[in-house]
Amino acid sequence: MAVLILSKGTSMQIVVGPVLTRKGGYAFDCWTPEEGLSRGYTYGRIEDAHYARKVEIRSRNNGSSDPTVACSTVDEFVRLTLDLRGRQQRASATPLPNAQEPRAVMEAVYG
């Protein structure tokens, strides 16, 4: 399980979701406060999806000083993205859309 510790002034956190079965193959998603949820490309082979996820994690880590968290489960991905949304909301005091209960978000994202 990943633990994310955010310091004041941290600009952008990146959360990479697990590889999941999707219509037509396998995919993973990413989430950042600035961009929100980015749906991943669907790969026909699970090995290709895992390889692409590893490349995404490495490229995000090498390209910036922003923390990247790779989640192993959907629950962890939802929990971290909701936690980061809550922190962002408290920091800016601006309500974010869709900051609902975790189950509603999980159903909306992974329906």
C-alpha atoms as a PDB file:
ATOM      1  CA  MET A   1       0.000   0.000   0.000  1.00  0.00           C
ATOM      2  CA  ALA A   2       1.351   3.426  -0.943  1.00  0.00           C
ATOM      3  CA  VAL A   3       1.516   6.261   1.542  1.00  0.00           C
ATOM      4  CA  LEU A   4       1.488   9.763   0.156  1.00  0.00           C
ATOM      5  CA  ILE A   5       2.886  12.566   2.292  1.00  0.00           C
ATOM      6  CA  LEU A   6       2.326  15.993   0.804  1.00  0.00           C
ATOM      7  CA  SER A   7       4.356  18.978   1.847  1.00  0.00           C
ATOM      8  CA  LYS A   8       3.180  22.551   1.635  1.00  0.00           C
ATOM      9  CA  GLY A   9       3.970  23.948  -1.786  1.00  0.00           C
ATOM     10  CA  THR A  10       3.810  20.601  -3.582  1.00  0.00           C
ATOM     11  CA  SER A  11       2.661  21.521  -7.049  1.00  0.00           C
ATOM     12  CA  MET A  12       1.200  18.409  -8.629  1.00  0.00           C
ATOM     13  CA  GLN A  13       0.676  14.870  -7.493  1.00  0.00           C
ATOM     14  CA  ILE A  14       0.266  12.044  -9.980  1.00  0.00           C
ATOM     15  CA  VAL A  15      -1.703   8.915  -9.162  1.00  0.00           C
ATOM     16  CA  VAL A  16      -1.436   5.933 -11.535  1.00  0.00           C
ATOM     17  CA  GLY A  17      -4.163   3.324 -11.269  1.00  0.00           C
ATOM     18  CA  PRO A  18      -3.904  -0.442 -11.592  1.00  0.00           C
ATOM     19  CA  VAL A  19      -4.311  -2.321 -14.873  1.00  0.00           C
ATOM     20  CA  LEU A  20      -7.981  -3.226 -15.303  1.00  0.00           C
ATOM     21  CA  THR A  21     -10.053  -5.189 -17.771  1.00  0.00           C
ATOM     22  CA  ARG A  22     -11.868  -2.919 -20.201  1.00  0.00           C
ATOM     23  CA  LYS A  23     -13.987  -3.522 -23.241  1.00  0.00           C
ATOM     24  CA  GLY A  24     -11.521  -4.654 -25.874  1.00  0.00           C
ATOM     25  CA  GLY A  25      -8.598  -5.332 -23.551  1.00  0.00           C
ATOM     26  CA  TYR A  26      -6.709  -3.868 -20.593  1.00  0.00           C
ATOM     27  CA  ALA A  27      -5.983  -0.306 -19.479  1.00  0.00           C
ATOM     28  CA  PHE A  28      -4.920   1.891 -16.571  1.00  0.00           C
ATOM     29  CA  ASP A  29      -5.848   5.465 -15.663  1.00  0.00           C
ATOM     30  CA  CYS A  30      -3.928   8.428 -14.283  1.00  0.00           C
ATOM     31  CA  TRP A  31      -5.131  11.324 -12.133  1.00  0.00           C
ATOM     32  CA  THR A  32      -3.650  14.751 -11.404  1.00  0.00           C
ATOM     33  CA  PRO A  33      -5.267  17.737  -9.666  1.00  0.00           C
ATOM     34  CA  GLU A  34      -4.770  19.912 -12.747  1.00  0.00           C
ATOM     35  CA  GLU A  35      -5.996  17.441 -15.384  1.00  0.00           C
ATOM     36  CA  GLY A  36      -8.329  15.236 -13.370  1.00  0.00           C
ATOM     37  CA  LEU A  37      -8.876  11.679 -14.556  1.00  0.00           C
ATOM     38  CA  SER A  38      -7.114  10.641 -17.764  1.00  0.00           C
ATOM     39  CA  ARG A  39      -8.499   7.418 -19.185  1.00  0.00           C
ATOM     40  CA  GLY A  40      -5.769   5.140 -20.476  1.00  0.00           C
ATOM     41  CA  TYR A  41      -5.360   3.560 -23.873  1.00  0.00           C
ATOM     42  CA  THR A  42      -6.833   0.048 -24.126  1.00  0.00           C
ATOM     43  CA  TYR A  43      -4.267  -2.629 -24.944  1.00  0.00           C
ATOM     44  CA  GLY A  44      -5.191  -6.013 -26.398  1.00  0.00           C
ATOM     45  CA  ARG A  45      -2.664  -7.894 -24.244  1.00  0.00           C
ATOM     46  CA  ILE A  46      -2.337  -7.536 -20.496  1.00  0.00           C
ATOM     47  CA  GLU A  47       1.470  -7.658 -20.776  1.00  0.00           C
ATOM     48  CA  ASP A  48       1.387  -4.580 -23.015  1.00  0.00           C
ATOM     49  CA  ALA A  49      -0.767  -2.683 -20.511  1.00  0.00           C
ATOM     50  CA  HIS A  50       1.598  -3.537 -17.634  1.00  0.00           C
ATOM     51  CA  TYR A  51       4.611  -2.502 -19.705  1.00  0.00           C
ATOM     52  CA  ALA A  52       2.981   0.818 -20.669  1.00  0.00           C
ATOM     53  CA  ARG A  53       2.072   1.481 -17.026  1.00  0.00           C
ATOM     54  CA  LYS A  54       5.690   0.914 -15.947  1.00  0.00           C
ATOM     55  CA  VAL A  55       6.888   3.265 -18.671  1.00  0.00           C
ATOM     56  CA  GLU A  56       4.345   5.897 -17.570  1.00  0.00           C
ATOM     57  CA  ILE A  57       5.496   5.653 -13.940  1.00  0.00           C
ATOM     58  CA  ARG A  58       9.182   5.894 -14.909  1.00  0.00           C
ATOM     59  CA  SER A  59       8.633   8.795 -17.298  1.00  0.00           C
ATOM     60  CA  ARG A  60       6.620  10.747 -14.725  1.00  0.00           C
ATOM     61  CA  ASN A  61       9.317  10.151 -12.082  1.00  0.00           C
ATOM     62  CA  ASN A  62      12.177  11.142 -14.388  1.00  0.00           C
ATOM     63  CA  GLY A  63      10.459  14.144 -15.923  1.00  0.00           C
ATOM     64  CA  SER A  64       9.597  16.089 -12.777  1.00  0.00           C
ATOM     65  CA  SER A  65      10.012  16.376  -9.057  1.00  0.00           C
ATOM     66  CA  ASP A  66       6.289  15.800  -8.502  1.00  0.00           C
ATOM     67  CA  PRO A  67       5.463  12.667  -6.516  1.00  0.00           C
ATOM     68  CA  THR A  68       4.050   9.727  -8.463  1.00  0.00           C
ATOM     69  CA  VAL A  69       2.011   7.109  -6.620  1.00  0.00           C
ATOM     70  CA  ALA A  70       1.371   3.780  -8.345  1.00  0.00           C
ATOM     71  CA  CYS A  71      -1.739   2.119  -6.918  1.00  0.00           C
ATOM     72  CA  SER A  72      -2.185  -1.639  -6.758  1.00  0.00           C
ATOM     73  CA  THR A  73      -5.977  -1.670  -6.331  1.00  0.00           C
ATOM     74  CA  VAL A  74      -9.000   0.331  -7.468  1.00  0.00           C
ATOM     75  CA  ASP A  75      -9.865   1.089  -3.830  1.00  0.00           C
ATOM     76  CA  GLU A  76      -6.432   2.573  -3.243  1.00  0.00           C
ATOM     77  CA  PHE A  77      -6.683   4.638  -6.459  1.00  0.00           C
ATOM     78  CA  VAL A  78     -10.094   6.030  -5.478  1.00  0.00           C
ATOM     79  CA  ARG A  79      -9.016   6.725  -1.892  1.00  0.00           C
ATOM     80  CA  LEU A  80      -5.889   8.622  -2.942  1.00  0.00           C
ATOM     81  CA  THR A  81      -7.620  10.668  -5.625  1.00  0.00           C
ATOM     82  CA  LEU A  82     -10.411  11.614  -3.218  1.00  0.00           C
ATOM     83  CA  ASP A  83      -7.848  12.497  -0.536  1.00  0.00           C
ATOM     84  CA  LEU A  84      -5.929  14.696  -2.970  1.00  0.00           C
ATOM     85  CA  ARG A  85      -9.160  16.335  -4.148  1.00  0.00           C
ATOM     86  CA  GLY A  86     -10.061  17.066  -0.517  1.00  0.00           C
ATOM     87  CA  ARG A  87      -6.646  18.552   0.185  1.00  0.00           C
ATOM     88  CA  GLN A  88      -6.848  20.653  -2.961  1.00  0.00           C
ATOM     89  CA  GLN A  89     -10.341  21.803  -2.003  1.00  0.00           C
ATOM     90  CA  ARG A  90      -9.288  22.767   1.507  1.00  0.00           C
ATOM     91  CA  ALA A  91      -6.205  24.570   0.196  1.00  0.00           C
ATOM     92  CA  SER A  92      -8.069  26.627  -2.389  1.00  0.00           C
ATOM     93  CA  ALA A  93     -11.473  26.779  -0.638  1.00  0.00           C
ATOM     94  CA  THR A  94     -13.093  26.207  -4.043  1.00  0.00           C
ATOM     95  CA  PRO A  95     -15.550  23.303  -4.363  1.00  0.00           C
ATOM     96  CA  LEU A  96     -14.530  20.633  -6.831  1.00  0.00           C
ATOM     97  CA  PRO A  97     -17.077  18.896  -9.054  1.00  0.00           C
ATOM     98  CA  ASN A  98     -17.870  15.273  -8.315  1.00  0.00           C
ATOM     99  CA  ALA A  99     -16.211  15.237  -4.884  1.00  0.00           C
ATOM    100  CA  GLN A 100     -18.754  12.667  -3.754  1.00  0.00           C
ATOM    101  CA  GLU A 101     -18.603   9.533  -1.675  1.00  0.00           C
ATOM    102  CA  PRO A 102     -15.856   7.083  -2.808  1.00  0.00           C
ATOM    103  CA  ARG A 103     -18.327   4.419  -3.955  1.00  0.00           C
ATOM    104  CA  ALA A 104     -20.121   6.867  -6.258  1.00  0.00           C
ATOM    105  CA  VAL A 105     -16.808   7.920  -7.779  1.00  0.00           C
ATOM    106  CA  MET A 106     -15.695   4.304  -8.232  1.00  0.00           C
ATOM    107  CA  GLU A 107     -18.974   3.446  -9.968  1.00  0.00           C
ATOM    108  CA  ALA A 108     -18.744   6.519 -12.194  1.00  0.00           C
ATOM    109  CA  VAL A 109     -15.132   5.830 -13.155  1.00  0.00           C
ATOM    110  CA  TYR A 110     -15.156   2.049 -13.342  1.00  0.00           C
ATOM    111  CA  GLY A 111     -18.905   1.463 -13.731  1.00  0.00           C
END
